[in-house]
Amino acid sequence: ATVITLALLAHEKGDAEKVMDGLRTATKNC
């Protein structure tokens, strides 16, 4: 019953890097 959801999200490169930094920080602090 496992369901995988996937998405491709298009950004400018700098914005994509900001999103990744935000996710890493959140997984440490949240």
PDB file of all heavy atoms in Angstrom:
ATOM      1  N   ALA A   1       0.808  -1.227   0.000  1.00  0.00           N
ATOM      2  CA  ALA A   1       0.000   0.000   0.000  1.00  0.00           C
ATOM      3  C   ALA A   1       0.834   1.267   0.000  1.00  0.00           C
ATOM      4  O   ALA A   1       0.313   2.362   0.199  1.00  0.00           O
ATOM      5  CB  ALA A   1      -0.927   0.008   1.217  1.00  0.00           C
ATOM      6  N   THR A   2       2.141   1.147  -0.215  1.00  0.00           N
ATOM      7  CA  THR A   2       2.996   2.326  -0.263  1.00  0.00           C
ATOM      8  C   THR A   2       2.704   3.136  -1.521  1.00  0.00           C
ATOM      9  O   THR A   2       2.625   2.588  -2.626  1.00  0.00           O
ATOM     10  CB  THR A   2       4.482   1.929  -0.263  1.00  0.00           C
ATOM     11  OG1 THR A   2       4.773   1.211   0.934  1.00  0.00           O
ATOM     12  CG2 THR A   2       5.375   3.172  -0.327  1.00  0.00           C
ATOM     13  N   VAL A   3       2.538   4.449  -1.351  1.00  0.00           N
ATOM     14  CA  VAL A   3       2.349   5.347  -2.483  1.00  0.00           C
ATOM     15  C   VAL A   3       3.468   6.379  -2.460  1.00  0.00           C
ATOM     16  O   VAL A   3       3.748   6.995  -1.423  1.00  0.00           O
ATOM     17  CB  VAL A   3       0.986   6.059  -2.428  1.00  0.00           C
ATOM     18  CG1 VAL A   3       0.871   7.088  -3.552  1.00  0.00           C
ATOM     19  CG2 VAL A   3      -0.144   5.037  -2.531  1.00  0.00           C
ATOM     20  N   ILE A   4       4.149   6.536  -3.569  1.00  0.00           N
ATOM     21  CA  ILE A   4       5.204   7.534  -3.714  1.00  0.00           C
ATOM     22  C   ILE A   4       4.634   8.714  -4.498  1.00  0.00           C
ATOM     23  O   ILE A   4       4.045   8.525  -5.562  1.00  0.00           O
ATOM     24  CB  ILE A   4       6.420   6.977  -4.482  1.00  0.00           C
ATOM     25  CG1 ILE A   4       6.919   5.670  -3.856  1.00  0.00           C
ATOM     26  CG2 ILE A   4       7.538   8.016  -4.539  1.00  0.00           C
ATOM     27  CD1 ILE A   4       7.441   5.815  -2.469  1.00  0.00           C
ATOM     28  N   THR A   5       4.786   9.911  -3.969  1.00  0.00           N
ATOM     29  CA  THR A   5       4.413  11.121  -4.691  1.00  0.00           C
ATOM     30  C   THR A   5       5.693  11.837  -5.083  1.00  0.00           C
ATOM     31  O   THR A   5       6.607  11.978  -4.268  1.00  0.00           O
ATOM     32  CB  THR A   5       3.541  12.046  -3.826  1.00  0.00           C
ATOM     33  OG1 THR A   5       2.347  11.353  -3.459  1.00  0.00           O
ATOM     34  CG2 THR A   5       3.162  13.308  -4.590  1.00  0.00           C
ATOM     35  N   LEU A   6       5.797  12.236  -6.338  1.00  0.00           N
ATOM     36  CA  LEU A   6       6.995  12.940  -6.796  1.00  0.00           C
ATOM     37  C   LEU A   6       6.596  14.194  -7.547  1.00  0.00           C
ATOM     38  O   LEU A   6       5.511  14.275  -8.113  1.00  0.00           O
ATOM     39  CB  LEU A   6       7.873  12.044  -7.667  1.00  0.00           C
ATOM     40  CG  LEU A   6       7.369  11.634  -9.043  1.00  0.00           C
ATOM     41  CD1 LEU A   6       7.838  12.625 -10.114  1.00  0.00           C
ATOM     42  CD2 LEU A   6       7.860  10.243  -9.399  1.00  0.00           C
ATOM     43  N   ALA A   7       7.487  15.180  -7.537  1.00  0.00           N
ATOM     44  CA  ALA A   7       7.249  16.429  -8.265  1.00  0.00           C
ATOM     45  C   ALA A   7       8.574  17.007  -8.735  1.00  0.00           C
ATOM     46  O   ALA A   7       9.612  16.826  -8.091  1.00  0.00           O
ATOM     47  CB  ALA A   7       6.524  17.449  -7.383  1.00  0.00           C
ATOM     48  N   LEU A   8       8.536  17.684  -9.873  1.00  0.00           N
ATOM     49  CA  LEU A   8       9.670  18.461 -10.352  1.00  0.00           C
ATOM     50  C   LEU A   8       9.295  19.926 -10.211  1.00  0.00           C
ATOM     51  O   LEU A   8       8.230  20.352 -10.671  1.00  0.00           O
ATOM     52  CB  LEU A   8       9.980  18.125 -11.817  1.00  0.00           C
ATOM     53  CG  LEU A   8      10.422  16.687 -12.102  1.00  0.00           C
ATOM     54  CD1 LEU A   8      10.745  16.519 -13.593  1.00  0.00           C
ATOM     55  CD2 LEU A   8      11.626  16.297 -11.250  1.00  0.00           C
ATOM     56  N   LEU A   9      10.175  20.707  -9.562  1.00  0.00           N
ATOM     57  CA  LEU A   9       9.918  22.110  -9.254  1.00  0.00           C
ATOM     58  C   LEU A   9      10.998  22.967  -9.909  1.00  0.00           C
ATOM     59  O   LEU A   9      12.184  22.849  -9.582  1.00  0.00           O
ATOM     60  CB  LEU A   9       9.933  22.331  -7.741  1.00  0.00           C
ATOM     61  CG  LEU A   9       9.163  21.302  -6.898  1.00  0.00           C
ATOM     62  CD1 LEU A   9       9.377  21.569  -5.411  1.00  0.00           C
ATOM     63  CD2 LEU A   9       7.689  21.325  -7.238  1.00  0.00           C
ATOM     64  N   ALA A  10      10.599  23.806 -10.848  1.00  0.00           N
ATOM     65  CA  ALA A  10      11.544  24.619 -11.607  1.00  0.00           C
ATOM     66  C   ALA A  10      11.803  25.956 -10.933  1.00  0.00           C
ATOM     67  O   ALA A  10      10.877  26.688 -10.599  1.00  0.00           O
ATOM     68  CB  ALA A  10      11.021  24.849 -13.023  1.00  0.00           C
ATOM     69  N   HIS A  11      13.089  26.288 -10.717  1.00  0.00           N
ATOM     70  CA  HIS A  11      13.510  27.545 -10.096  1.00  0.00           C
ATOM     71  C   HIS A  11      14.666  28.138 -10.881  1.00  0.00           C
ATOM     72  O   HIS A  11      15.252  27.491 -11.743  1.00  0.00           O
ATOM     73  CB  HIS A  11      14.018  27.307  -8.667  1.00  0.00           C
ATOM     74  CG  HIS A  11      13.005  26.827  -7.703  1.00  0.00           C
ATOM     75  ND1 HIS A  11      12.575  25.519  -7.653  1.00  0.00           N
ATOM     76  CD2 HIS A  11      12.329  27.480  -6.715  1.00  0.00           C
ATOM     77  CE1 HIS A  11      11.684  25.382  -6.681  1.00  0.00           C
ATOM     78  NE2 HIS A  11      11.516  26.548  -6.105  1.00  0.00           N
ATOM     79  N   GLU A  12      15.004  29.378 -10.547  1.00  0.00           N
ATOM     80  CA  GLU A  12      16.332  29.880 -10.864  1.00  0.00           C
ATOM     81  C   GLU A  12      17.288  29.140  -9.924  1.00  0.00           C
ATOM     82  O   GLU A  12      16.902  28.751  -8.807  1.00  0.00           O
ATOM     83  CB  GLU A  12      16.422  31.387 -10.630  1.00  0.00           C
ATOM     84  CG  GLU A  12      15.502  32.212 -11.525  1.00  0.00           C
ATOM     85  CD  GLU A  12      15.922  32.187 -12.985  1.00  0.00           C
ATOM     86  OE1 GLU A  12      17.130  32.038 -13.252  1.00  0.00           O
ATOM     87  OE2 GLU A  12      15.035  32.310 -13.852  1.00  0.00           O
ATOM     88  N   LYS A  13      18.523  28.935 -10.340  1.00  0.00           N
ATOM     89  CA  LYS A  13      19.445  28.130  -9.556  1.00  0.00           C
ATOM     90  C   LYS A  13      19.624  28.656  -8.135  1.00  0.00           C
ATOM     91  O   LYS A  13      19.621  27.887  -7.169  1.00  0.00           O
ATOM     92  CB  LYS A  13      20.808  28.038 -10.253  1.00  0.00           C
ATOM     93  CG  LYS A  13      21.783  27.099  -9.547  1.00  0.00           C
ATOM     94  CD  LYS A  13      23.090  26.980 -10.308  1.00  0.00           C
ATOM     95  CE  LYS A  13      24.061  26.048  -9.577  1.00  0.00           C
ATOM     96  NZ  LYS A  13      25.354  25.946 -10.310  1.00  0.00           N
ATOM     97  N   GLY A  14      19.765  29.968  -7.983  1.00  0.00           N
ATOM     98  CA  GLY A  14      19.959  30.544  -6.651  1.00  0.00           C
ATOM     99  C   GLY A  14      18.777  30.283  -5.736  1.00  0.00           C
ATOM    100  O   GLY A  14      18.943  30.019  -4.538  1.00  0.00           O
ATOM    101  N   ASP A  15      17.564  30.340  -6.297  1.00  0.00           N
ATOM    102  CA  ASP A  15      16.379  30.067  -5.497  1.00  0.00           C
ATOM    103  C   ASP A  15      16.313  28.600  -5.094  1.00  0.00           C
ATOM    104  O   ASP A  15      15.913  28.264  -3.971  1.00  0.00           O
ATOM    105  CB  ASP A  15      15.117  30.450  -6.270  1.00  0.00           C
ATOM    106  CG  ASP A  15      14.910  31.954  -6.354  1.00  0.00           C
ATOM    107  OD1 ASP A  15      15.607  32.691  -5.615  1.00  0.00           O
ATOM    108  OD2 ASP A  15      14.069  32.396  -7.152  1.00  0.00           O
ATOM    109  N   ALA A  16      16.689  27.721  -6.002  1.00  0.00           N
ATOM    110  CA  ALA A  16      16.698  26.292  -5.687  1.00  0.00           C
ATOM    111  C   ALA A  16      17.665  26.010  -4.534  1.00  0.00           C
ATOM    112  O   ALA A  16      17.370  25.214  -3.639  1.00  0.00           O
ATOM    113  CB  ALA A  16      17.088  25.484  -6.918  1.00  0.00           C
ATOM    114  N   GLU A  17      18.817  26.662  -4.542  1.00  0.00           N
ATOM    115  CA  GLU A  17      19.788  26.483  -3.463  1.00  0.00           C
ATOM    116  C   GLU A  17      19.242  26.999  -2.139  1.00  0.00           C
ATOM    117  O   GLU A  17      19.467  26.389  -1.075  1.00  0.00           O
ATOM    118  CB  GLU A  17      21.093  27.195  -3.828  1.00  0.00           C
ATOM    119  CG  GLU A  17      21.823  26.542  -5.007  1.00  0.00           C
ATOM    120  CD  GLU A  17      23.013  27.354  -5.490  1.00  0.00           C
ATOM    121  OE1 GLU A  17      23.064  28.579  -5.208  1.00  0.00           O
ATOM    122  OE2 GLU A  17      23.891  26.769  -6.153  1.00  0.00           O
ATOM    123  N   LYS A  18      18.477  28.105  -2.166  1.00  0.00           N
ATOM    124  CA  LYS A  18      17.869  28.642  -0.945  1.00  0.00           C
ATOM    125  C   LYS A  18      16.851  27.665  -0.357  1.00  0.00           C
ATOM    126  O   LYS A  18      16.768  27.491   0.859  1.00  0.00           O
ATOM    127  CB  LYS A  18      17.185  29.983  -1.240  1.00  0.00           C
ATOM    128  CG  LYS A  18      18.135  31.134  -1.520  1.00  0.00           C
ATOM    129  CD  LYS A  18      17.355  32.409  -1.861  1.00  0.00           C
ATOM    130  CE  LYS A  18      18.301  33.553  -2.207  1.00  0.00           C
ATOM    131  NZ  LYS A  18      17.538  34.775  -2.599  1.00  0.00           N
ATOM    132  N   VAL A  19      16.081  27.036  -1.235  1.00  0.00           N
ATOM    133  CA  VAL A  19      15.098  26.070  -0.761  1.00  0.00           C
ATOM    134  C   VAL A  19      15.799  24.905  -0.062  1.00  0.00           C
ATOM    135  O   VAL A  19      15.371  24.456   1.010  1.00  0.00           O
ATOM    136  CB  VAL A  19      14.235  25.553  -1.933  1.00  0.00           C
ATOM    137  CG1 VAL A  19      13.334  24.404  -1.468  1.00  0.00           C
ATOM    138  CG2 VAL A  19      13.385  26.681  -2.503  1.00  0.00           C
ATOM    139  N   MET A  20      16.856  24.402  -0.647  1.00  0.00           N
ATOM    140  CA  MET A  20      17.592  23.289  -0.043  1.00  0.00           C
ATOM    141  C   MET A  20      18.194  23.688   1.301  1.00  0.00           C
ATOM    142  O   MET A  20      18.132  22.918   2.274  1.00  0.00           O
ATOM    143  CB  MET A  20      18.695  22.811  -0.995  1.00  0.00           C
ATOM    144  CG  MET A  20      18.189  22.222  -2.304  1.00  0.00           C
ATOM    145  SD  MET A  20      17.147  20.756  -2.098  1.00  0.00           S
ATOM    146  CE  MET A  20      18.366  19.549  -1.544  1.00  0.00           C
ATOM    147  N   ASP A  21      18.759  24.885   1.388  1.00  0.00           N
ATOM    148  CA  ASP A  21      19.311  25.369   2.659  1.00  0.00           C
ATOM    149  C   ASP A  21      18.223  25.451   3.721  1.00  0.00           C
ATOM    150  O   ASP A  21      18.425  25.080   4.885  1.00  0.00           O
ATOM    151  CB  ASP A  21      19.952  26.752   2.474  1.00  0.00           C
ATOM    152  CG  ASP A  21      21.261  26.688   1.698  1.00  0.00           C
ATOM    153  OD1 ASP A  21      21.840  25.591   1.591  1.00  0.00           O
ATOM    154  OD2 ASP A  21      21.701  27.752   1.201  1.00  0.00           O
ATOM    155  N   GLY A  22      17.040  25.924   3.303  1.00  0.00           N
ATOM    156  CA  GLY A  22      15.932  26.036   4.239  1.00  0.00           C
ATOM    157  C   GLY A  22      15.470  24.690   4.764  1.00  0.00           C
ATOM    158  O   GLY A  22      15.152  24.538   5.949  1.00  0.00           O
ATOM    159  N   LEU A  23      15.407  23.701   3.887  1.00  0.00           N
ATOM    160  CA  LEU A  23      15.010  22.368   4.306  1.00  0.00           C
ATOM    161  C   LEU A  23      16.017  21.754   5.272  1.00  0.00           C
ATOM    162  O   LEU A  23      15.636  21.155   6.287  1.00  0.00           O
ATOM    163  CB  LEU A  23      14.845  21.460   3.082  1.00  0.00           C
ATOM    164  CG  LEU A  23      13.624  21.719   2.199  1.00  0.00           C
ATOM    165  CD1 LEU A  23      13.729  20.914   0.910  1.00  0.00           C
ATOM    166  CD2 LEU A  23      12.333  21.369   2.942  1.00  0.00           C
ATOM    167  N   ARG A  24      17.297  21.901   4.980  1.00  0.00           N
ATOM    168  CA  ARG A  24      18.325  21.357   5.866  1.00  0.00           C
ATOM    169  C   ARG A  24      18.252  21.992   7.251  1.00  0.00           C
ATOM    170  O   ARG A  24      18.334  21.307   8.281  1.00  0.00           O
ATOM    171  CB  ARG A  24      19.718  21.564   5.257  1.00  0.00           C
ATOM    172  CG  ARG A  24      20.200  20.384   4.422  1.00  0.00           C
ATOM    173  CD  ARG A  24      21.673  20.539   4.071  1.00  0.00           C
ATOM    174  NE  ARG A  24      21.882  21.730   3.262  1.00  0.00           N
ATOM    175  CZ  ARG A  24      21.868  21.732   1.933  1.00  0.00           C
ATOM    176  NH1 ARG A  24      21.643  20.622   1.275  1.00  0.00           N
ATOM    177  NH2 ARG A  24      22.070  22.845   1.263  1.00  0.00           N
ATOM    178  N   THR A  25      18.088  23.324   7.282  1.00  0.00           N
ATOM    179  CA  THR A  25      18.014  24.033   8.561  1.00  0.00           C
ATOM    180  C   THR A  25      16.778  23.603   9.345  1.00  0.00           C
ATOM    181  O   THR A  25      16.831  23.381  10.556  1.00  0.00           O
ATOM    182  CB  THR A  25      17.976  25.554   8.334  1.00  0.00           C
ATOM    183  OG1 THR A  25      19.178  25.949   7.659  1.00  0.00           O
ATOM    184  CG2 THR A  25      17.869  26.304   9.649  1.00  0.00           C
ATOM    185  N   ALA A  26      15.654  23.450   8.655  1.00  0.00           N
ATOM    186  CA  ALA A  26      14.412  23.067   9.317  1.00  0.00           C
ATOM    187  C   ALA A  26      14.494  21.662   9.905  1.00  0.00           C
ATOM    188  O   ALA A  26      13.987  21.408  11.009  1.00  0.00           O
ATOM    189  CB  ALA A  26      13.246  23.166   8.344  1.00  0.00           C
ATOM    190  N   THR A  27      15.122  20.741   9.205  1.00  0.00           N
ATOM    191  CA  THR A  27      15.216  19.384   9.737  1.00  0.00           C
ATOM    192  C   THR A  27      16.087  19.331  10.990  1.00  0.00           C
ATOM    193  O   THR A  27      15.925  18.434  11.823  1.00  0.00           O
ATOM    194  CB  THR A  27      15.790  18.406   8.691  1.00  0.00           C
ATOM    195  OG1 THR A  27      17.087  18.849   8.266  1.00  0.00           O
ATOM    196  CG2 THR A  27      14.884  18.323   7.474  1.00  0.00           C
ATOM    197  N   LYS A  28      16.992  20.312  11.161  1.00  0.00           N
ATOM    198  CA  LYS A  28      17.835  20.372  12.351  1.00  0.00           C
ATOM    199  C   LYS A  28      17.144  21.086  13.510  1.00  0.00           C
ATOM    200  O   LYS A  28      17.314  20.706  14.673  1.00  0.00           O
ATOM    201  CB  LYS A  28      19.153  21.087  12.023  1.00  0.00           C
ATOM    202  CG  LYS A  28      20.046  20.354  11.036  1.00  0.00           C
ATOM    203  CD  LYS A  28      21.293  21.171  10.726  1.00  0.00           C
ATOM    204  CE  LYS A  28      22.181  20.485   9.706  1.00  0.00           C
ATOM    205  NZ  LYS A  28      23.376  21.311   9.363  1.00  0.00           N
ATOM    206  N   ASN A  29      16.366  22.129  13.197  1.00  0.00           N
ATOM    207  CA  ASN A  29      15.803  22.994  14.247  1.00  0.00           C
ATOM    208  C   ASN A  29      14.337  22.739  14.576  1.00  0.00           C
ATOM    209  O   ASN A  29      13.835  23.219  15.590  1.00  0.00           O
ATOM    210  CB  ASN A  29      15.972  24.460  13.839  1.00  0.00           C
ATOM    211  CG  ASN A  29      17.425  24.854  13.681  1.00  0.00           C
ATOM    212  OD1 ASN A  29      18.314  24.258  14.284  1.00  0.00           O
ATOM    213  ND2 ASN A  29      17.681  25.855  12.852  1.00  0.00           N
ATOM    214  N   CYS A  30      13.648  22.018  13.722  1.00  0.00           N
ATOM    215  CA  CYS A  30      12.208  21.795  13.916  1.00  0.00           C
ATOM    216  C   CYS A  30      11.969  20.385  14.439  1.00  0.00           C
ATOM    217  O   CYS A  30      12.409  19.405  13.828  1.00  0.00           O
ATOM    218  CB  CYS A  30      11.474  22.004  12.593  1.00  0.00           C
ATOM    219  SG  CYS A  30       9.717  21.585  12.651  1.00  0.00           S
TER     220      CYS A  30
END
